[in-house]
Amino acid sequence: MDSKEYIERFKKYEAEYTRRLKAKYFSDKDIYGGDIFDQKITIDSHTIKASRWPATKSYADPASFEDQSNDGSASAGEAAANNGKH
């Protein structure tokens, strides 16, 4: 295999991997396309974002997140009892 071809292919894969990581962990969207943050407040040119759910909740337990975010009535006890089991 030509070393230049190998290097170009590696760079292409690395760029695609970087793009996926940035889209997953550094966007303002969950895996369903909804907004992660409920509120945005700007104080002295600094933006503060707040949410009632952890930013990684939709990635860690997608089924539980979708149920809780759509229903909105799951209590902390129900969420702890569910613990990702369906």
PDB file of N, CA and C in Angstrom:
ATOM      1  N   MET A   1       0.844  -1.175   0.000  1.00  0.00           N
ATOM      2  CA  MET A   1       0.000   0.000   0.000  1.00  0.00           C
ATOM      3  C   MET A   1       0.889   1.238   0.000  1.00  0.00           C
ATOM      4  N   ASP A   2       0.511   2.197  -0.774  1.00  0.00           N
ATOM      5  CA  ASP A   2       1.251   3.446  -0.854  1.00  0.00           C
ATOM      6  C   ASP A   2       1.091   4.199   0.470  1.00  0.00           C
ATOM      7  N   SER A   3       2.190   4.676   1.021  1.00  0.00           N
ATOM      8  CA  SER A   3       2.135   5.337   2.328  1.00  0.00           C
ATOM      9  C   SER A   3       1.334   6.641   2.275  1.00  0.00           C
ATOM     10  N   LYS A   4       1.392   7.372   1.172  1.00  0.00           N
ATOM     11  CA  LYS A   4       0.604   8.601   1.052  1.00  0.00           C
ATOM     12  C   LYS A   4      -0.889   8.283   1.040  1.00  0.00           C
ATOM     13  N   GLU A   5      -1.242   7.222   0.349  1.00  0.00           N
ATOM     14  CA  GLU A   5      -2.643   6.808   0.302  1.00  0.00           C
ATOM     15  C   GLU A   5      -3.123   6.394   1.703  1.00  0.00           C
ATOM     16  N   TYR A   6      -2.281   5.681   2.413  1.00  0.00           N
ATOM     17  CA  TYR A   6      -2.601   5.248   3.771  1.00  0.00           C
ATOM     18  C   TYR A   6      -2.780   6.455   4.693  1.00  0.00           C
ATOM     19  N   ILE A   7      -1.913   7.427   4.584  1.00  0.00           N
ATOM     20  CA  ILE A   7      -1.991   8.633   5.418  1.00  0.00           C
ATOM     21  C   ILE A   7      -3.270   9.408   5.117  1.00  0.00           C
ATOM     22  N   GLU A   8      -3.618   9.550   3.849  1.00  0.00           N
ATOM     23  CA  GLU A   8      -4.838  10.264   3.474  1.00  0.00           C
ATOM     24  C   GLU A   8      -6.084   9.545   3.998  1.00  0.00           C
ATOM     25  N   ARG A   9      -6.089   8.229   3.888  1.00  0.00           N
ATOM     26  CA  ARG A   9      -7.227   7.463   4.385  1.00  0.00           C
ATOM     27  C   ARG A   9      -7.347   7.590   5.905  1.00  0.00           C
ATOM     28  N   PHE A  10      -6.216   7.551   6.601  1.00  0.00           N
ATOM     29  CA  PHE A  10      -6.214   7.724   8.051  1.00  0.00           C
ATOM     30  C   PHE A  10      -6.756   9.099   8.434  1.00  0.00           C
ATOM     31  N   LYS A  11      -6.322  10.131   7.723  1.00  0.00           N
ATOM     32  CA  LYS A  11      -6.797  11.489   8.013  1.00  0.00           C
ATOM     33  C   LYS A  11      -8.299  11.607   7.786  1.00  0.00           C
ATOM     34  N   LYS A  12      -8.798  10.939   6.758  1.00  0.00           N
ATOM     35  CA  LYS A  12     -10.231  10.956   6.475  1.00  0.00           C
ATOM     36  C   LYS A  12     -11.004  10.301   7.617  1.00  0.00           C
ATOM     37  N   TYR A  13     -10.548   9.129   8.075  1.00  0.00           N
ATOM     38  CA  TYR A  13     -11.209   8.441   9.187  1.00  0.00           C
ATOM     39  C   TYR A  13     -11.127   9.255  10.477  1.00  0.00           C
ATOM     40  N   GLU A  14      -9.991   9.867  10.709  1.00  0.00           N
ATOM     41  CA  GLU A  14      -9.812  10.679  11.909  1.00  0.00           C
ATOM     42  C   GLU A  14     -10.759  11.888  11.896  1.00  0.00           C
ATOM     43  N   ALA A  15     -10.907  12.525  10.749  1.00  0.00           N
ATOM     44  CA  ALA A  15     -11.802  13.676  10.629  1.00  0.00           C
ATOM     45  C   ALA A  15     -13.257  13.260  10.849  1.00  0.00           C
ATOM     46  N   GLU A  16     -13.650  12.121  10.311  1.00  0.00           N
ATOM     47  CA  GLU A  16     -15.018  11.625  10.492  1.00  0.00           C
ATOM     48  C   GLU A  16     -15.280  11.284  11.960  1.00  0.00           C
ATOM     49  N   TYR A  17     -14.328  10.654  12.607  1.00  0.00           N
ATOM     50  CA  TYR A  17     -14.457  10.311  14.024  1.00  0.00           C
ATOM     51  C   TYR A  17     -14.562  11.574  14.878  1.00  0.00           C
ATOM     52  N   THR A  18     -13.748  12.560  14.585  1.00  0.00           N
ATOM     53  CA  THR A  18     -13.785  13.830  15.319  1.00  0.00           C
ATOM     54  C   THR A  18     -15.134  14.513  15.137  1.00  0.00           C
ATOM     55  N   ARG A  19     -15.654  14.500  13.924  1.00  0.00           N
ATOM     56  CA  ARG A  19     -16.955  15.102  13.649  1.00  0.00           C
ATOM     57  C   ARG A  19     -18.058  14.414  14.448  1.00  0.00           C
ATOM     58  N   ARG A  20     -18.030  13.088  14.500  1.00  0.00           N
ATOM     59  CA  ARG A  20     -19.053  12.351  15.250  1.00  0.00           C
ATOM     60  C   ARG A  20     -18.974  12.633  16.749  1.00  0.00           C
ATOM     61  N   LEU A  21     -17.758  12.673  17.281  1.00  0.00           N
ATOM     62  CA  LEU A  21     -17.604  12.972  18.708  1.00  0.00           C
ATOM     63  C   LEU A  21     -18.105  14.370  19.044  1.00  0.00           C
ATOM     64  N   LYS A  22     -17.764  15.339  18.211  1.00  0.00           N
ATOM     65  CA  LYS A  22     -18.226  16.713  18.453  1.00  0.00           C
ATOM     66  C   LYS A  22     -19.742  16.800  18.363  1.00  0.00           C
ATOM     67  N   ALA A  23     -20.326  16.125  17.388  1.00  0.00           N
ATOM     68  CA  ALA A  23     -21.779  16.159  17.237  1.00  0.00           C
ATOM     69  C   ALA A  23     -22.474  15.500  18.421  1.00  0.00           C
ATOM     70  N   LYS A  24     -21.877  14.444  18.943  1.00  0.00           N
ATOM     71  CA  LYS A  24     -22.509  13.721  20.047  1.00  0.00           C
ATOM     72  C   LYS A  24     -22.361  14.442  21.377  1.00  0.00           C
ATOM     73  N   TYR A  25     -21.162  14.883  21.694  1.00  0.00           N
ATOM     74  CA  TYR A  25     -20.894  15.391  23.035  1.00  0.00           C
ATOM     75  C   TYR A  25     -20.861  16.908  23.158  1.00  0.00           C
ATOM     76  N   PHE A  26     -20.749  17.619  22.065  1.00  0.00           N
ATOM     77  CA  PHE A  26     -20.590  19.065  22.153  1.00  0.00           C
ATOM     78  C   PHE A  26     -21.646  19.832  21.374  1.00  0.00           C
ATOM     79  N   SER A  27     -22.759  19.206  21.088  1.00  0.00           N
ATOM     80  CA  SER A  27     -23.854  19.928  20.446  1.00  0.00           C
ATOM     81  C   SER A  27     -24.902  20.246  21.510  1.00  0.00           C
ATOM     82  N   ASP A  28     -25.872  21.038  21.162  1.00  0.00           N
ATOM     83  CA  ASP A  28     -26.952  21.372  22.089  1.00  0.00           C
ATOM     84  C   ASP A  28     -28.165  20.474  21.877  1.00  0.00           C
ATOM     85  N   LYS A  29     -27.988  19.370  21.163  1.00  0.00           N
ATOM     86  CA  LYS A  29     -29.107  18.488  20.848  1.00  0.00           C
ATOM     87  C   LYS A  29     -28.916  17.124  21.498  1.00  0.00           C
ATOM     88  N   ASP A  30     -30.042  16.471  21.851  1.00  0.00           N
ATOM     89  CA  ASP A  30     -29.966  15.102  22.327  1.00  0.00           C
ATOM     90  C   ASP A  30     -30.049  14.167  21.120  1.00  0.00           C
ATOM     91  N   ILE A  31     -30.075  12.856  21.359  1.00  0.00           N
ATOM     92  CA  ILE A  31     -30.055  11.930  20.227  1.00  0.00           C
ATOM     93  C   ILE A  31     -31.355  11.941  19.432  1.00  0.00           C
ATOM     94  N   TYR A  32     -32.400  12.542  19.974  1.00  0.00           N
ATOM     95  CA  TYR A  32     -33.670  12.637  19.263  1.00  0.00           C
ATOM     96  C   TYR A  32     -33.837  13.978  18.558  1.00  0.00           C
ATOM     97  N   GLY A  33     -32.821  14.842  18.640  1.00  0.00           N
ATOM     98  CA  GLY A  33     -32.863  16.127  17.969  1.00  0.00           C
ATOM     99  C   GLY A  33     -33.448  17.253  18.802  1.00  0.00           C
ATOM    100  N   GLY A  34     -33.869  16.935  20.017  1.00  0.00           N
ATOM    101  CA  GLY A  34     -34.419  17.966  20.896  1.00  0.00           C
ATOM    102  C   GLY A  34     -33.316  18.757  21.572  1.00  0.00           C
ATOM    103  N   ASP A  35     -33.687  19.880  22.140  1.00  0.00           N
ATOM    104  CA  ASP A  35     -32.714  20.708  22.845  1.00  0.00           C
ATOM    105  C   ASP A  35     -32.371  20.090  24.194  1.00  0.00           C
ATOM    106  N   ILE A  36     -31.081  20.039  24.510  1.00  0.00           N
ATOM    107  CA  ILE A  36     -30.638  19.543  25.810  1.00  0.00           C
ATOM    108  C   ILE A  36     -30.951  20.566  26.884  1.00  0.00           C
ATOM    109  N   PHE A  37     -30.747  21.828  26.579  1.00  0.00           N
ATOM    110  CA  PHE A  37     -30.889  22.883  27.572  1.00  0.00           C
ATOM    111  C   PHE A  37     -32.281  23.497  27.514  1.00  0.00           C
ATOM    112  N   ASP A  38     -32.889  23.661  28.697  1.00  0.00           N
ATOM    113  CA  ASP A  38     -34.217  24.256  28.791  1.00  0.00           C
ATOM    114  C   ASP A  38     -34.157  25.776  28.784  1.00  0.00           C
ATOM    115  N   GLN A  39     -33.118  26.336  29.401  1.00  0.00           N
ATOM    116  CA  GLN A  39     -33.018  27.786  29.534  1.00  0.00           C
ATOM    117  C   GLN A  39     -31.625  28.268  29.163  1.00  0.00           C
ATOM    118  N   LYS A  40     -31.568  29.467  28.589  1.00  0.00           N
ATOM    119  CA  LYS A  40     -30.300  30.139  28.311  1.00  0.00           C
ATOM    120  C   LYS A  40     -30.387  31.542  28.885  1.00  0.00           C
ATOM    121  N   ILE A  41     -29.426  31.888  29.712  1.00  0.00           N
ATOM    122  CA  ILE A  41     -29.385  33.206  30.339  1.00  0.00           C
ATOM    123  C   ILE A  41     -28.034  33.830  30.024  1.00  0.00           C
ATOM    124  N   THR A  42     -28.024  35.093  29.605  1.00  0.00           N
ATOM    125  CA  THR A  42     -26.779  35.798  29.324  1.00  0.00           C
ATOM    126  C   THR A  42     -26.550  36.846  30.403  1.00  0.00           C
ATOM    127  N   ILE A  43     -25.394  36.735  31.050  1.00  0.00           N
ATOM    128  CA  ILE A  43     -24.999  37.683  32.092  1.00  0.00           C
ATOM    129  C   ILE A  43     -23.604  38.182  31.756  1.00  0.00           C
ATOM    130  N   ASP A  44     -23.476  39.476  31.546  1.00  0.00           N
ATOM    131  CA  ASP A  44     -22.179  40.086  31.220  1.00  0.00           C
ATOM    132  C   ASP A  44     -21.478  39.360  30.077  1.00  0.00           C
ATOM    133  N   SER A  45     -22.176  39.138  29.003  1.00  0.00           N
ATOM    134  CA  SER A  45     -21.690  38.491  27.781  1.00  0.00           C
ATOM    135  C   SER A  45     -21.288  37.027  27.969  1.00  0.00           C
ATOM    136  N   HIS A  46     -21.680  36.413  29.084  1.00  0.00           N
ATOM    137  CA  HIS A  46     -21.452  34.981  29.304  1.00  0.00           C
ATOM    138  C   HIS A  46     -22.799  34.276  29.252  1.00  0.00           C
ATOM    139  N   THR A  47     -22.879  33.220  28.457  1.00  0.00           N
ATOM    140  CA  THR A  47     -24.123  32.477  28.340  1.00  0.00           C
ATOM    141  C   THR A  47     -24.106  31.310  29.314  1.00  0.00           C
ATOM    142  N   ILE A  48     -25.150  31.221  30.107  1.00  0.00           N
ATOM    143  CA  ILE A  48     -25.311  30.126  31.057  1.00  0.00           C
ATOM    144  C   ILE A  48     -26.501  29.302  30.583  1.00  0.00           C
ATOM    145  N   LYS A  49     -26.292  27.998  30.429  1.00  0.00           N
ATOM    146  CA  LYS A  49     -27.352  27.114  29.963  1.00  0.00           C
ATOM    147  C   LYS A  49     -27.745  26.183  31.107  1.00  0.00           C
ATOM    148  N   ALA A  50     -29.032  25.934  31.236  1.00  0.00           N
ATOM    149  CA  ALA A  50     -29.530  25.087  32.312  1.00  0.00           C
ATOM    150  C   ALA A  50     -30.514  24.063  31.762  1.00  0.00           C
ATOM    151  N   SER A  51     -30.533  22.910  32.410  1.00  0.00           N
ATOM    152  CA  SER A  51     -31.445  21.854  32.023  1.00  0.00           C
ATOM    153  C   SER A  51     -31.860  21.068  33.252  1.00  0.00           C
ATOM    154  N   ARG A  52     -33.034  20.477  33.187  1.00  0.00           N
ATOM    155  CA  ARG A  52     -33.458  19.634  34.300  1.00  0.00           C
ATOM    156  C   ARG A  52     -32.896  18.231  34.169  1.00  0.00           C
ATOM    157  N   TRP A  53     -32.368  17.874  33.005  1.00  0.00           N
ATOM    158  CA  TRP A  53     -31.764  16.560  32.775  1.00  0.00           C
ATOM    159  C   TRP A  53     -30.262  16.715  32.570  1.00  0.00           C
ATOM    160  N   PRO A  54     -29.458  15.729  32.972  1.00  0.00           N
ATOM    161  CA  PRO A  54     -28.027  15.772  32.654  1.00  0.00           C
ATOM    162  C   PRO A  54     -27.835  15.761  31.133  1.00  0.00           C
ATOM    163  N   ALA A  55     -26.834  16.437  30.659  1.00  0.00           N
ATOM    164  CA  ALA A  55     -26.622  16.567  29.213  1.00  0.00           C
ATOM    165  C   ALA A  55     -26.398  15.229  28.526  1.00  0.00           C
ATOM    166  N   THR A  56     -25.860  14.245  29.227  1.00  0.00           N
ATOM    167  CA  THR A  56     -25.574  12.943  28.622  1.00  0.00           C
ATOM    168  C   THR A  56     -26.664  11.919  28.892  1.00  0.00           C
ATOM    169  N   LYS A  57     -27.761  12.297  29.510  1.00  0.00           N
ATOM    170  CA  LYS A  57     -28.824  11.358  29.880  1.00  0.00           C
ATOM    171  C   LYS A  57     -29.375  10.620  28.665  1.00  0.00           C
ATOM    172  N   SER A  58     -29.609  11.303  27.565  1.00  0.00           N
ATOM    173  CA  SER A  58     -30.194  10.650  26.394  1.00  0.00           C
ATOM    174  C   SER A  58     -29.241   9.645  25.760  1.00  0.00           C
ATOM    175  N   TYR A  59     -27.938   9.802  25.974  1.00  0.00           N
ATOM    176  CA  TYR A  59     -26.963   8.861  25.425  1.00  0.00           C
ATOM    177  C   TYR A  59     -26.728   7.690  26.369  1.00  0.00           C
ATOM    178  N   ALA A  60     -26.786   7.923  27.682  1.00  0.00           N
ATOM    179  CA  ALA A  60     -26.505   6.882  28.658  1.00  0.00           C
ATOM    180  C   ALA A  60     -27.644   5.870  28.740  1.00  0.00           C
ATOM    181  N   ASP A  61     -28.884   6.330  28.708  1.00  0.00           N
ATOM    182  CA  ASP A  61     -30.049   5.455  28.815  1.00  0.00           C
ATOM    183  C   ASP A  61     -31.162   6.010  27.930  1.00  0.00           C
ATOM    184  N   PRO A  62     -31.074   5.793  26.617  1.00  0.00           N
ATOM    185  CA  PRO A  62     -32.002   6.427  25.677  1.00  0.00           C
ATOM    186  C   PRO A  62     -33.471   6.103  25.925  1.00  0.00           C
ATOM    187  N   ALA A  63     -33.787   4.847  26.240  1.00  0.00           N
ATOM    188  CA  ALA A  63     -35.189   4.472  26.427  1.00  0.00           C
ATOM    189  C   ALA A  63     -35.783   5.177  27.636  1.00  0.00           C
ATOM    190  N   SER A  64     -35.058   5.191  28.716  1.00  0.00           N
ATOM    191  CA  SER A  64     -35.530   5.853  29.930  1.00  0.00           C
ATOM    192  C   SER A  64     -35.670   7.353  29.707  1.00  0.00           C
ATOM    193  N   PHE A  65     -34.711   7.954  29.014  1.00  0.00           N
ATOM    194  CA  PHE A  65     -34.757   9.397  28.754  1.00  0.00           C
ATOM    195  C   PHE A  65     -35.973   9.758  27.923  1.00  0.00           C
ATOM    196  N   GLU A  66     -36.248   8.980  26.884  1.00  0.00           N
ATOM    197  CA  GLU A  66     -37.383   9.288  26.017  1.00  0.00           C
ATOM    198  C   GLU A  66     -38.689   9.183  26.798  1.00  0.00           C
ATOM    199  N   ASP A  67     -38.816   8.156  27.639  1.00  0.00           N
ATOM    200  CA  ASP A  67     -40.020   8.001  28.449  1.00  0.00           C
ATOM    201  C   ASP A  67     -40.197   9.175  29.400  1.00  0.00           C
ATOM    202  N   GLN A  68     -39.133   9.565  30.092  1.00  0.00           N
ATOM    203  CA  GLN A  68     -39.215  10.635  31.076  1.00  0.00           C
ATOM    204  C   GLN A  68     -39.427  11.993  30.426  1.00  0.00           C
ATOM    205  N   SER A  69     -38.767  12.243  29.308  1.00  0.00           N
ATOM    206  CA  SER A  69     -38.896  13.560  28.689  1.00  0.00           C
ATOM    207  C   SER A  69     -40.253  13.727  28.014  1.00  0.00           C
ATOM    208  N   ASN A  70     -40.831  12.650  27.505  1.00  0.00           N
ATOM    209  CA  ASN A  70     -42.151  12.743  26.886  1.00  0.00           C
ATOM    210  C   ASN A  70     -43.255  12.806  27.931  1.00  0.00           C
ATOM    211  N   ASP A  71     -43.101  12.021  28.988  1.00  0.00           N
ATOM    212  CA  ASP A  71     -44.111  11.970  30.037  1.00  0.00           C
ATOM    213  C   ASP A  71     -43.995  13.163  30.963  1.00  0.00           C
ATOM    214  N   GLY A  72     -42.773  13.424  31.423  1.00  0.00           N
ATOM    215  CA  GLY A  72     -42.521  14.547  32.302  1.00  0.00           C
ATOM    216  C   GLY A  72     -43.029  14.354  33.714  1.00  0.00           C
ATOM    217  N   SER A  73     -43.709  13.215  33.995  1.00  0.00           N
ATOM    218  CA  SER A  73     -44.283  13.015  35.316  1.00  0.00           C
ATOM    219  C   SER A  73     -43.569  11.942  36.115  1.00  0.00           C
ATOM    220  N   ALA A  74     -42.477  11.399  35.625  1.00  0.00           N
ATOM    221  CA  ALA A  74     -41.751  10.365  36.358  1.00  0.00           C
ATOM    222  C   ALA A  74     -41.083  10.979  37.573  1.00  0.00           C
ATOM    223  N   SER A  75     -41.364  10.390  38.716  1.00  0.00           N
ATOM    224  CA  SER A  75     -40.758  10.904  39.941  1.00  0.00           C
ATOM    225  C   SER A  75     -39.363  10.338  40.100  1.00  0.00           C
ATOM    226  N   ALA A  76     -38.606  10.888  41.029  1.00  0.00           N
ATOM    227  CA  ALA A  76     -37.248  10.408  41.275  1.00  0.00           C
ATOM    228  C   ALA A  76     -37.281   8.967  41.749  1.00  0.00           C
ATOM    229  N   GLY A  77     -38.283   8.599  42.543  1.00  0.00           N
ATOM    230  CA  GLY A  77     -38.413   7.223  43.021  1.00  0.00           C
ATOM    231  C   GLY A  77     -38.681   6.257  41.891  1.00  0.00           C
ATOM    232  N   GLU A  78     -39.553   6.642  40.967  1.00  0.00           N
ATOM    233  CA  GLU A  78     -39.836   5.788  39.820  1.00  0.00           C
ATOM    234  C   GLU A  78     -38.610   5.635  38.939  1.00  0.00           C
ATOM    235  N   ALA A  79     -37.892   6.709  38.735  1.00  0.00           N
ATOM    236  CA  ALA A  79     -36.691   6.662  37.901  1.00  0.00           C
ATOM    237  C   ALA A  79     -35.638   5.775  38.537  1.00  0.00           C
ATOM    238  N   ALA A  80     -35.472   5.855  39.859  1.00  0.00           N
ATOM    239  CA  ALA A  80     -34.490   5.020  40.550  1.00  0.00           C
ATOM    240  C   ALA A  80     -34.927   3.564  40.529  1.00  0.00           C
ATOM    241  N   ALA A  81     -36.228   3.301  40.682  1.00  0.00           N
ATOM    242  CA  ALA A  81     -36.727   1.932  40.668  1.00  0.00           C
ATOM    243  C   ALA A  81     -36.613   1.328  39.277  1.00  0.00           C
ATOM    244  N   ASN A  82     -36.825   2.130  38.250  1.00  0.00           N
ATOM    245  CA  ASN A  82     -36.733   1.658  36.876  1.00  0.00           C
ATOM    246  C   ASN A  82     -35.303   1.271  36.550  1.00  0.00           C
ATOM    247  N   ASN A  83     -34.360   2.147  36.826  1.00  0.00           N
ATOM    248  CA  ASN A  83     -32.931   1.911  36.656  1.00  0.00           C
ATOM    249  C   ASN A  83     -32.589   1.318  35.298  1.00  0.00           C
ATOM    250  N   GLY A  84     -33.304   1.714  34.255  1.00  0.00           N
ATOM    251  CA  GLY A  84     -32.980   1.267  32.909  1.00  0.00           C
ATOM    252  C   GLY A  84     -33.595  -0.064  32.545  1.00  0.00           C
ATOM    253  N   LYS A  85     -34.349  -0.684  33.439  1.00  0.00           N
ATOM    254  CA  LYS A  85     -34.971  -1.979  33.162  1.00  0.00           C
ATOM    255  C   LYS A  85     -36.390  -1.749  32.680  1.00  0.00           C
ATOM    256  N   HIS A  86     -36.801  -2.501  31.666  1.00  0.00           N
ATOM    257  CA  HIS A  86     -38.136  -2.282  31.095  1.00  0.00           C
ATOM    258  C   HIS A  86     -38.913  -3.563  31.102  1.00  0.00           C
TER     259      HIS A  86
END
